[in-house]
Amino acid sequence: MKKIPYLLFLLFLLVHILPAQLIIKNQSEYSNWQNENRTIWENWTDINYQYDFLKTGLRFEVNDPPDPSKFQQPDLVKKHELTYKFVELNYEGLTARLGNFYSMFGRGLILRTYENRNIPVDNNIEGLQLKYRTKVFNSQVIAGKIRDSYNRRAKLFYGTDLGVKLNKELKIGASALVQDKDKKKSIMAANINYIYDWFDIYLEVASPQWERKLSNYIALNAIFEKFTLTAEHKNYNNLLFPNKYQIEYAAGPSLLREHSFTLLNRHPHLVEMNNEMGYQFELTWFPDDLWQLMLNYSLTNNQKNQRQFEEYYFEVTRPFGDSWEVLTALDWSYDLSSGTENITPLVDLYYNLNSRNQIHVSLQHQHTLNVKDKSEFDSELALLEFSHSPWLTMALVGEITNENQLNNVPNNKKNTWLYGNVIFSFGGSHQLSVLYGSRQAGFVCVGGVCRLEPEFEGVEIKLTNRF
């Protein structure tokens, strides 16, 4: 805490001494959980300064108090903390960074670090990062410690990632990580990417030193006259590479479709880098200038070929005149972790009143079957939204379920939820969101990483500013 005023003062001096660019971004979230008698304030302040070849920055984070729905051990979270700071130098193709950074090797089979505040995940690395790039060659060398949710770090590790562009169509690469230099605990990967006219194919293989098993990821993307196709295959076998705090370095592609519809995220699959295999196909067809049809299928098994997750998703989109656009979709999914099969039809309607005003209606229905005891229940969700571009959006969202009628569910369990949300955008780079009401518990998922957000009743205020 004592270092923060000095760092801010140093940035202030740099801005006034040297003509440069200073960017300040602040994100603040206030929640008053009336159903749990809990008030939470979260805030992230990012300050970045850049002058010619020099770039530096910091992030100050507030969790007051820490949200127990995000942290299993909230007592380990500091209420106020400087969680990110760096100095970076750039000269021609060389970049040297000291402090905190994010990195990904290949498609993430052995290393992927990132930040997403909705899950939340922030597994940045603290150490040294060197990058060098030319027209045909790029390389990255890193050394540091990865953080966990409580900003703890352990086990210094080293990594390198190399890539070569052999010609216009073909690229190859290789990467490696070493966590414990004395015990020589390491993992290696190689990749090849071929791009030609209407298609490209990517292959990456990885193998840990401690378990001589091969993992791979394959992706094919093709564009035809009226079709686009994406086909992916995964085989993740003993790729877990955790440090003392069980933070994994790897986060490969999930091969799961990420949905924006609420009910489609109620029974997600969490990616297991140590024990799963499967594939995903997505085909989009444009029969004419109006119709768009899309089919997605994904299947995930474990290494014993036992089904973990399966999904079919079919979507049709079509505009009607200049005012209407209709999206209809049908989804079927099976999830082993929740032991359910789910059928979800939905429709999205957009009506443009004029060039700036739009009405959006979303109707979602989900029928859920428990595959163990054959019990069934239904959920309904409706959304009514009005937007006035570019500064105002108002939404009313209601949900109802009859799950409380099941024998294993208490009769007094809440079965209706209703909330309103207003979003103001102003000044080109500022946004205020105010939500009031009740919201059903549900998962927040990004790339196969999920967090269960508990049932909420109260007021939620979010403010984002960028200067």
Protein backbone atom coordinates (compact mmCIF):
# COMPACT_ATOMS: atom_id res chain seq x y z
CA MET A 1 0.00 0.00 0.00
CA LYS A 2 2.85 2.43 0.83
CA LYS A 3 4.33 2.01 -2.66
CA ILE A 4 1.17 3.09 -4.50
CA PRO A 5 1.41 6.90 -3.92
CA TYR A 6 5.04 6.86 -5.06
CA LEU A 7 4.19 4.98 -8.26
CA LEU A 8 1.32 7.36 -9.04
CA PHE A 9 3.58 10.35 -8.36
CA LEU A 10 6.21 8.91 -10.72
CA LEU A 11 3.63 8.52 -13.49
CA PHE A 12 2.46 12.10 -12.88
CA LEU A 13 6.02 13.40 -13.31
CA LEU A 14 6.58 11.36 -16.48
CA VAL A 15 3.44 12.74 -18.12
CA HIS A 16 4.40 16.33 -17.37
CA ILE A 17 8.07 15.97 -18.30
CA LEU A 18 7.68 13.94 -21.49
CA PRO A 19 4.98 14.38 -24.15
CA ALA A 20 3.25 11.02 -24.13
CA GLN A 21 -0.01 9.11 -23.94
CA LEU A 22 -1.69 8.42 -20.62
CA ILE A 23 -4.70 6.07 -20.46
CA ILE A 24 -6.72 5.59 -17.27
CA LYS A 25 -9.49 3.02 -17.09
CA ASN A 26 -11.61 2.41 -14.02
CA GLN A 27 -14.21 -0.32 -13.54
CA SER A 28 -16.34 -0.26 -10.41
CA GLU A 29 -19.07 -2.69 -9.29
CA TYR A 30 -21.33 -2.22 -6.27
CA SER A 31 -23.77 -4.95 -5.17
CA ASN A 32 -26.29 -4.87 -2.34
CA TRP A 33 -27.50 -8.46 -1.84
CA GLN A 34 -30.73 -7.98 0.07
CA ASN A 35 -31.41 -11.74 0.15
CA GLU A 36 -28.09 -12.36 1.93
CA ASN A 37 -27.72 -9.04 3.78
CA ARG A 38 -24.41 -8.45 2.04
CA THR A 39 -22.85 -5.38 0.42
CA ILE A 40 -19.84 -5.69 -1.87
CA TRP A 41 -17.72 -3.12 -3.67
CA GLU A 42 -15.20 -4.18 -6.33
CA ASN A 43 -12.97 -1.79 -8.25
CA TRP A 44 -10.16 -2.04 -10.79
CA THR A 45 -8.07 1.00 -11.74
CA ASP A 46 -5.69 0.56 -14.69
CA ILE A 47 -3.17 3.29 -15.50
CA ASN A 48 -0.95 2.99 -18.59
CA TYR A 49 1.69 5.45 -19.76
CA GLN A 50 3.50 5.32 -23.10
CA TYR A 51 6.29 7.48 -24.49
CA ASP A 52 8.02 6.43 -27.70
CA PHE A 53 9.77 3.15 -26.87
CA LEU A 54 8.77 3.18 -23.17
CA LYS A 55 5.54 1.80 -21.74
CA THR A 56 4.63 1.34 -18.10
CA GLY A 57 1.50 0.76 -16.06
CA LEU A 58 -0.19 -0.57 -12.97
CA ARG A 59 -3.50 -1.94 -11.70
CA PHE A 60 -4.94 -1.25 -8.28
CA GLU A 61 -7.69 -3.63 -7.16
CA VAL A 62 -10.31 -3.30 -4.43
CA ASN A 63 -12.42 -6.14 -2.97
CA ASP A 64 -14.26 -4.63 -0.03
CA PRO A 65 -15.22 -7.12 1.24
CA PRO A 66 -14.18 -10.02 -1.02
CA ASP A 67 -17.16 -11.65 -2.74
CA PRO A 68 -17.53 -15.20 -1.31
CA SER A 69 -19.28 -16.30 -4.51
CA LYS A 70 -16.02 -15.62 -6.37
CA PHE A 71 -13.51 -16.64 -3.73
CA GLN A 72 -13.77 -19.94 -1.84
CA GLN A 73 -11.44 -18.54 0.83
CA PRO A 74 -12.32 -14.82 1.03
CA ASP A 75 -10.12 -14.36 4.10
CA LEU A 76 -7.07 -14.79 1.85
CA VAL A 77 -8.03 -11.83 -0.36
CA LYS A 78 -6.62 -8.42 0.49
CA LYS A 79 -9.22 -5.67 0.37
CA HIS A 80 -6.86 -3.21 -1.35
CA GLU A 81 -3.89 -4.35 -3.40
CA LEU A 82 -1.60 -3.43 -6.26
CA THR A 83 -2.04 -6.55 -8.40
CA TYR A 84 -0.36 -5.60 -11.68
CA LYS A 85 2.64 -3.41 -12.60
CA PHE A 86 5.17 -3.41 -15.41
CA VAL A 87 7.81 -1.56 -17.41
CA GLU A 88 8.20 -2.36 -21.11
CA LEU A 89 10.81 -1.29 -23.69
CA ASN A 90 10.32 -1.63 -27.44
CA TYR A 91 13.07 -1.32 -30.03
CA GLU A 92 12.37 -2.32 -33.63
CA GLY A 93 11.34 -6.01 -33.37
CA LEU A 94 12.46 -6.48 -29.76
CA THR A 95 10.18 -6.11 -26.72
CA ALA A 96 11.44 -6.46 -23.16
CA ARG A 97 8.98 -6.41 -20.27
CA LEU A 98 9.69 -6.55 -16.54
CA GLY A 99 6.82 -7.03 -14.10
CA ASN A 100 3.39 -8.53 -14.84
CA PHE A 101 2.26 -9.86 -18.20
CA TYR A 102 0.00 -12.37 -19.97
CA SER A 103 1.20 -14.94 -22.46
CA MET A 104 -0.02 -17.83 -24.63
CA PHE A 105 2.05 -20.44 -26.45
CA GLY A 106 0.37 -21.86 -29.56
CA ARG A 107 -3.33 -22.46 -28.85
CA GLY A 108 -2.78 -22.81 -25.11
CA LEU A 109 -2.06 -26.52 -24.72
CA ILE A 110 0.89 -25.85 -22.42
CA LEU A 111 0.49 -22.16 -21.53
CA ARG A 112 -2.33 -19.64 -21.58
CA THR A 113 -2.67 -16.81 -19.05
CA TYR A 114 -5.41 -14.18 -19.24
CA GLU A 115 -7.79 -12.00 -17.26
CA ASN A 116 -11.58 -12.23 -17.25
CA ARG A 117 -13.34 -10.49 -14.38
CA ASN A 118 -16.68 -12.22 -14.91
CA ILE A 119 -15.40 -15.70 -14.00
CA PRO A 120 -13.10 -14.36 -12.38
CA VAL A 121 -9.69 -15.41 -13.70
CA ASP A 122 -6.46 -13.43 -13.51
CA ASN A 123 -3.47 -15.74 -13.70
CA ASN A 124 -0.90 -13.20 -14.88
CA ILE A 125 2.80 -13.93 -14.66
CA GLU A 126 5.23 -11.82 -12.65
CA GLY A 127 8.76 -11.88 -14.02
CA LEU A 128 10.56 -11.17 -17.30
CA GLN A 129 9.26 -11.46 -20.87
CA LEU A 130 11.39 -11.05 -24.01
CA LYS A 131 9.89 -11.03 -27.51
CA TYR A 132 11.58 -10.75 -30.88
CA ARG A 133 9.71 -10.62 -34.19
CA THR A 134 10.71 -10.33 -37.86
CA LYS A 135 8.82 -11.05 -41.08
CA VAL A 136 9.73 -14.75 -40.96
CA PHE A 137 10.62 -15.39 -37.32
CA ASN A 138 9.08 -14.72 -33.91
CA SER A 139 10.21 -15.83 -30.50
CA GLN A 140 9.29 -15.41 -26.86
CA VAL A 141 11.23 -16.20 -23.71
CA ILE A 142 9.67 -15.86 -20.27
CA ALA A 143 10.60 -16.49 -16.66
CA GLY A 144 8.37 -15.84 -13.70
CA LYS A 145 5.67 -16.99 -11.28
CA ILE A 146 1.99 -17.39 -12.12
CA ARG A 147 -0.63 -16.01 -9.70
CA ASP A 148 -3.72 -17.62 -8.22
CA SER A 149 -7.04 -15.99 -7.29
CA TYR A 150 -5.53 -14.66 -4.05
CA ASN A 151 -2.48 -13.09 -5.75
CA ARG A 152 -0.19 -15.77 -4.35
CA ARG A 153 2.72 -17.00 -6.40
CA ALA A 154 4.94 -20.08 -6.16
CA LYS A 155 7.32 -22.10 -8.29
CA LEU A 156 9.46 -20.09 -10.67
CA PHE A 157 9.06 -21.45 -14.20
CA TYR A 158 10.73 -20.82 -17.55
CA GLY A 159 9.26 -20.96 -21.02
CA THR A 160 10.13 -20.40 -24.65
CA ASP A 161 8.00 -20.19 -27.78
CA LEU A 162 9.41 -20.11 -31.32
CA GLY A 163 7.69 -19.69 -34.69
CA VAL A 164 8.98 -19.66 -38.28
CA LYS A 165 7.14 -18.68 -41.44
CA LEU A 166 8.60 -21.00 -44.07
CA ASN A 167 6.63 -19.47 -46.94
CA LYS A 168 3.36 -17.65 -47.61
CA GLU A 169 1.25 -20.68 -46.69
CA LEU A 170 3.23 -22.62 -44.07
CA LYS A 171 4.18 -21.80 -40.48
CA ILE A 172 5.78 -24.06 -37.88
CA GLY A 173 6.46 -23.57 -34.19
CA ALA A 174 7.66 -25.16 -30.98
CA SER A 175 7.38 -24.31 -27.29
CA ALA A 176 8.45 -25.62 -23.90
CA LEU A 177 7.92 -25.00 -20.18
CA VAL A 178 10.11 -25.98 -17.25
CA GLN A 179 8.64 -25.51 -13.78
CA ASP A 180 11.14 -27.07 -11.43
CA LYS A 181 14.69 -26.76 -12.73
CA ASP A 182 16.11 -29.27 -10.26
CA LYS A 183 13.52 -32.00 -10.87
CA LYS A 184 13.40 -31.17 -14.58
CA LYS A 185 9.62 -31.12 -14.64
CA SER A 186 8.85 -29.92 -18.15
CA ILE A 187 6.36 -30.04 -21.01
CA MET A 188 6.89 -29.48 -24.74
CA ALA A 189 4.70 -28.77 -27.77
CA ALA A 190 5.00 -28.30 -31.53
CA ASN A 191 2.57 -26.84 -34.06
CA ILE A 192 2.08 -26.42 -37.78
CA ASN A 193 -0.30 -24.07 -39.59
CA TYR A 194 -1.08 -24.31 -43.33
CA ILE A 195 -3.14 -21.53 -44.96
CA TYR A 196 -4.20 -21.75 -48.58
CA ASP A 197 -6.86 -19.69 -50.35
CA TRP A 198 -10.19 -21.03 -49.04
CA PHE A 199 -9.03 -23.08 -46.03
CA ASP A 200 -6.51 -23.28 -43.23
CA ILE A 201 -5.54 -26.14 -40.95
CA TYR A 202 -3.77 -26.01 -37.61
CA LEU A 203 -2.21 -28.88 -35.65
CA GLU A 204 -0.58 -28.76 -32.24
CA VAL A 205 0.81 -31.67 -30.24
CA ALA A 206 2.04 -31.62 -26.65
CA SER A 207 3.77 -34.11 -24.37
CA PRO A 208 4.70 -33.82 -20.68
CA GLN A 209 8.04 -35.10 -19.48
CA TRP A 210 6.53 -36.74 -16.39
CA GLU A 211 3.98 -38.82 -18.36
CA ARG A 212 4.95 -39.95 -21.86
CA LYS A 213 1.52 -39.39 -23.37
CA LEU A 214 0.69 -37.33 -26.44
CA SER A 215 -2.04 -34.69 -26.55
CA ASN A 216 -3.21 -32.81 -29.62
CA TYR A 217 -5.52 -30.15 -30.99
CA ILE A 218 -6.56 -29.93 -34.66
CA ALA A 219 -8.61 -27.17 -36.29
CA LEU A 220 -9.87 -26.80 -39.86
CA ASN A 221 -11.52 -23.63 -41.19
CA ALA A 222 -12.94 -23.53 -44.70
CA ILE A 223 -14.90 -20.92 -46.65
CA PHE A 224 -16.88 -21.89 -49.73
CA GLU A 225 -19.18 -19.78 -51.86
CA LYS A 226 -22.21 -20.13 -49.57
CA PHE A 227 -20.77 -22.15 -46.69
CA THR A 228 -18.34 -21.73 -43.83
CA LEU A 229 -17.08 -24.75 -41.90
CA THR A 230 -15.15 -25.08 -38.66
CA ALA A 231 -14.05 -28.53 -37.50
CA GLU A 232 -11.98 -29.13 -34.36
CA HIS A 233 -10.63 -32.15 -32.51
CA LYS A 234 -9.07 -32.32 -29.04
CA ASN A 235 -7.25 -34.96 -27.05
CA TYR A 236 -6.04 -33.67 -23.69
CA ASN A 237 -4.17 -36.33 -21.75
CA ASN A 238 -2.23 -35.52 -18.55
CA LEU A 239 -1.62 -31.87 -19.41
CA LEU A 240 -2.19 -30.61 -15.87
CA PHE A 241 0.89 -28.74 -14.76
CA PRO A 242 -0.14 -27.09 -11.47
CA ASN A 243 2.02 -25.11 -9.10
CA LYS A 244 1.86 -25.20 -5.29
CA TYR A 245 -1.52 -23.45 -5.31
CA GLN A 246 -2.98 -25.77 -7.97
CA ILE A 247 -2.97 -23.12 -10.69
CA GLU A 248 -2.72 -24.70 -14.11
CA TYR A 249 -0.60 -23.27 -16.90
CA ALA A 250 -2.58 -24.87 -19.72
CA ALA A 251 -5.99 -23.80 -21.02
CA GLY A 252 -6.57 -25.32 -24.44
CA PRO A 253 -9.57 -24.64 -26.69
CA SER A 254 -12.79 -25.92 -25.09
CA LEU A 255 -14.50 -27.05 -28.34
CA LEU A 256 -17.79 -25.91 -26.83
CA ARG A 257 -20.08 -23.31 -28.31
CA GLU A 258 -20.28 -20.20 -26.12
CA HIS A 259 -23.91 -19.07 -25.90
CA SER A 260 -25.24 -15.60 -25.19
CA PHE A 261 -28.66 -16.97 -24.15
CA THR A 262 -29.18 -17.35 -20.40
CA LEU A 263 -30.89 -20.75 -20.32
CA LEU A 264 -28.28 -22.33 -22.61
CA ASN A 265 -25.63 -21.68 -19.94
CA ARG A 266 -27.46 -23.44 -17.11
CA HIS A 267 -25.76 -26.83 -17.63
CA PRO A 268 -22.21 -26.14 -18.87
CA HIS A 269 -19.16 -28.37 -19.14
CA LEU A 270 -15.90 -27.50 -17.40
CA VAL A 271 -12.85 -28.34 -19.51
CA GLU A 272 -10.58 -30.97 -17.99
CA MET A 273 -7.08 -30.66 -19.47
CA ASN A 274 -6.01 -33.90 -17.82
CA ASN A 275 -8.63 -36.27 -19.14
CA GLU A 276 -10.83 -35.49 -22.12
CA MET A 277 -11.15 -35.88 -25.85
CA GLY A 278 -13.74 -34.88 -28.42
CA TYR A 279 -14.62 -32.73 -31.38
CA GLN A 280 -16.81 -29.87 -32.58
CA PHE A 281 -18.30 -29.04 -35.98
CA GLU A 282 -20.00 -25.82 -37.01
CA LEU A 283 -21.50 -25.35 -40.46
CA THR A 284 -23.06 -22.07 -41.62
CA TRP A 285 -25.04 -21.85 -44.86
CA PHE A 286 -26.06 -18.65 -46.67
CA PRO A 287 -28.62 -19.82 -49.27
CA ASP A 288 -29.30 -16.22 -50.35
CA ASP A 289 -28.87 -12.64 -49.14
CA LEU A 290 -31.54 -13.05 -46.46
CA TRP A 291 -31.31 -16.49 -44.88
CA GLN A 292 -28.55 -17.70 -42.57
CA LEU A 293 -28.61 -21.26 -41.19
CA MET A 294 -26.11 -22.61 -38.69
CA LEU A 295 -25.62 -26.08 -37.19
CA ASN A 296 -23.20 -26.80 -34.35
CA TYR A 297 -22.40 -30.20 -32.83
CA SER A 298 -19.93 -30.97 -30.06
CA LEU A 299 -19.03 -34.12 -28.13
CA THR A 300 -16.63 -34.50 -25.21
CA ASN A 301 -15.60 -37.86 -23.73
CA ASN A 302 -13.01 -38.79 -21.15
CA GLN A 303 -9.97 -40.89 -21.99
CA LYS A 304 -12.03 -44.05 -21.33
CA ASN A 305 -14.41 -42.87 -24.07
CA GLN A 306 -17.21 -42.20 -21.59
CA ARG A 307 -19.50 -39.35 -22.61
CA GLN A 308 -19.11 -36.17 -20.56
CA PHE A 309 -20.95 -33.58 -22.64
CA GLU A 310 -22.85 -33.53 -25.94
CA GLU A 311 -24.76 -30.77 -27.71
CA TYR A 312 -26.70 -30.09 -30.90
CA TYR A 313 -27.48 -26.45 -31.69
CA PHE A 314 -29.43 -25.26 -34.75
CA GLU A 315 -30.04 -21.57 -35.54
CA VAL A 316 -31.87 -19.72 -38.31
CA THR A 317 -31.64 -15.95 -38.86
CA ARG A 318 -33.59 -13.87 -41.36
CA PRO A 319 -34.47 -10.16 -41.73
CA PHE A 320 -37.95 -9.14 -42.88
CA GLY A 321 -37.88 -5.82 -44.65
CA ASP A 322 -35.86 -2.99 -43.15
CA SER A 323 -37.41 -3.20 -39.69
CA TRP A 324 -37.57 -6.83 -38.55
CA GLU A 325 -34.96 -9.48 -37.86
CA VAL A 326 -35.87 -12.89 -36.45
CA LEU A 327 -33.57 -15.48 -34.91
CA THR A 328 -34.92 -18.89 -33.95
CA ALA A 329 -32.88 -21.69 -32.40
CA LEU A 330 -33.24 -25.18 -31.00
CA ASP A 331 -30.72 -26.78 -28.64
CA TRP A 332 -30.33 -30.26 -27.15
CA SER A 333 -27.60 -30.99 -24.63
CA TYR A 334 -26.44 -33.69 -22.24
CA ASP A 335 -24.19 -32.91 -19.27
CA LEU A 336 -22.76 -35.63 -17.04
CA SER A 337 -21.82 -33.31 -14.16
CA SER A 338 -25.44 -32.22 -13.61
CA GLY A 339 -26.86 -35.53 -14.89
CA THR A 340 -29.35 -33.80 -17.18
CA GLU A 341 -30.67 -33.73 -20.72
CA ASN A 342 -31.99 -30.34 -21.83
CA ILE A 343 -34.15 -29.25 -24.76
CA THR A 344 -34.20 -25.48 -25.34
CA PRO A 345 -36.19 -23.74 -28.10
CA LEU A 346 -35.91 -19.95 -28.27
CA VAL A 347 -36.73 -16.98 -30.45
CA ASP A 348 -35.16 -13.52 -30.68
CA LEU A 349 -37.06 -10.65 -32.31
CA TYR A 350 -35.54 -7.30 -33.27
CA TYR A 351 -37.67 -4.41 -34.49
CA ASN A 352 -36.07 -1.16 -35.65
CA LEU A 353 -38.41 1.76 -34.93
CA ASN A 354 -36.00 4.05 -36.79
CA SER A 355 -32.26 4.45 -37.28
CA ARG A 356 -31.63 4.98 -33.54
CA ASN A 357 -34.38 3.13 -31.67
CA GLN A 358 -34.78 -0.63 -31.45
CA ILE A 359 -37.00 -3.08 -29.56
CA HIS A 360 -35.66 -6.54 -28.72
CA VAL A 361 -37.77 -9.44 -27.43
CA SER A 362 -36.26 -12.77 -26.39
CA LEU A 363 -38.35 -15.82 -25.40
CA GLN A 364 -36.57 -18.91 -24.07
CA HIS A 365 -37.99 -22.24 -22.87
CA GLN A 366 -36.03 -25.15 -21.41
CA HIS A 367 -37.19 -28.64 -20.54
CA THR A 368 -34.80 -30.48 -18.22
CA LEU A 369 -34.73 -34.24 -17.59
CA ASN A 370 -32.73 -35.76 -14.74
CA VAL A 371 -31.31 -38.92 -16.33
CA LYS A 372 -30.90 -40.65 -12.94
CA ASP A 373 -34.37 -40.40 -11.39
CA LYS A 374 -36.24 -39.38 -14.58
CA SER A 375 -37.67 -36.27 -12.90
CA GLU A 376 -38.52 -33.34 -15.20
CA PHE A 377 -39.11 -29.61 -14.91
CA ASP A 378 -39.43 -26.55 -17.16
CA SER A 379 -37.98 -23.06 -17.13
CA GLU A 380 -39.22 -19.98 -19.00
CA LEU A 381 -37.35 -16.72 -19.56
CA ALA A 382 -38.56 -13.56 -21.27
CA LEU A 383 -36.63 -10.39 -22.06
CA LEU A 384 -38.02 -7.06 -23.27
CA GLU A 385 -35.40 -4.49 -24.23
CA PHE A 386 -35.46 -0.99 -25.66
CA SER A 387 -32.31 0.72 -26.92
CA HIS A 388 -31.75 4.28 -28.05
CA SER A 389 -28.41 4.42 -29.83
CA PRO A 390 -25.84 5.30 -28.70
CA TRP A 391 -26.56 6.17 -25.07
CA LEU A 392 -29.48 4.27 -23.54
CA THR A 393 -30.59 0.64 -23.10
CA MET A 394 -33.46 -0.48 -20.85
CA ALA A 395 -34.36 -4.12 -20.22
CA LEU A 396 -36.89 -6.08 -18.20
CA VAL A 397 -36.09 -9.78 -17.61
CA GLY A 398 -38.36 -12.35 -15.98
CA GLU A 399 -37.91 -16.06 -15.31
CA ILE A 400 -40.18 -18.77 -13.93
CA THR A 401 -39.64 -22.48 -13.21
CA ASN A 402 -41.59 -25.36 -11.73
CA GLU A 403 -38.48 -27.07 -10.34
CA ASN A 404 -39.83 -26.51 -6.81
CA GLN A 405 -42.54 -29.11 -7.53
CA LEU A 406 -39.99 -31.94 -7.66
CA ASN A 407 -39.89 -34.34 -4.71
CA ASN A 408 -36.24 -33.62 -3.89
CA VAL A 409 -36.67 -29.81 -3.97
CA PRO A 410 -38.21 -27.81 -1.07
CA ASN A 411 -41.67 -26.42 -1.85
CA ASN A 412 -40.67 -23.00 -0.55
CA LYS A 413 -37.83 -22.70 -3.05
CA LYS A 414 -38.16 -19.49 -5.06
CA ASN A 415 -39.59 -20.10 -8.54
CA THR A 416 -39.98 -16.60 -10.05
CA TRP A 417 -37.43 -13.86 -10.65
CA LEU A 418 -37.77 -10.39 -12.17
CA TYR A 419 -35.28 -7.59 -12.63
CA GLY A 420 -34.87 -4.38 -14.57
CA ASN A 421 -31.60 -3.09 -15.98
CA VAL A 422 -30.77 0.39 -17.34
CA ILE A 423 -27.48 1.13 -19.11
CA PHE A 424 -26.33 4.69 -19.84
CA SER A 425 -23.41 5.29 -22.21
CA PHE A 426 -22.04 8.83 -22.21
CA GLY A 427 -19.00 10.81 -23.23
CA GLY A 428 -17.98 8.17 -25.74
CA SER A 429 -16.02 6.14 -23.16
CA HIS A 430 -18.16 5.97 -20.02
CA GLN A 431 -20.92 3.54 -19.08
CA LEU A 432 -23.22 3.23 -16.08
CA SER A 433 -25.37 0.13 -15.49
CA VAL A 434 -28.03 -0.11 -12.77
CA LEU A 435 -29.85 -3.40 -12.07
CA TYR A 436 -32.63 -3.86 -9.54
CA GLY A 437 -34.67 -6.95 -8.73
CA SER A 438 -34.03 -10.68 -8.43
CA ARG A 439 -31.98 -12.99 -10.65
CA GLN A 440 -31.83 -16.78 -10.79
CA ALA A 441 -28.60 -18.56 -9.90
CA GLY A 442 -26.62 -19.57 -12.97
CA PHE A 443 -23.21 -20.22 -14.46
CA VAL A 444 -20.92 -17.62 -16.01
CA CYS A 445 -18.66 -19.41 -18.50
CA VAL A 446 -15.81 -18.36 -20.77
CA GLY A 447 -13.83 -20.90 -22.79
CA GLY A 448 -14.84 -23.87 -20.66
CA VAL A 449 -14.02 -22.12 -17.37
CA CYS A 450 -17.16 -21.52 -15.29
CA ARG A 451 -18.26 -19.90 -12.05
CA LEU A 452 -21.62 -20.48 -10.38
CA GLU A 453 -23.18 -17.10 -9.66
CA PRO A 454 -25.62 -17.49 -6.76
CA GLU A 455 -29.19 -16.25 -6.68
CA PHE A 456 -29.33 -12.46 -6.37
CA GLU A 457 -31.91 -10.05 -5.05
CA GLY A 458 -31.10 -6.39 -4.60
CA VAL A 459 -29.26 -3.59 -6.38
CA GLU A 460 -26.22 -3.91 -8.64
CA ILE A 461 -24.39 -0.85 -10.01
CA LYS A 462 -21.53 -0.98 -12.48
CA LEU A 463 -19.53 2.01 -13.70
CA THR A 464 -16.79 1.94 -16.34
CA ASN A 465 -14.70 5.02 -17.19
CA ARG A 466 -11.92 5.48 -19.69
CA PHE A 467 -9.86 8.67 -19.89
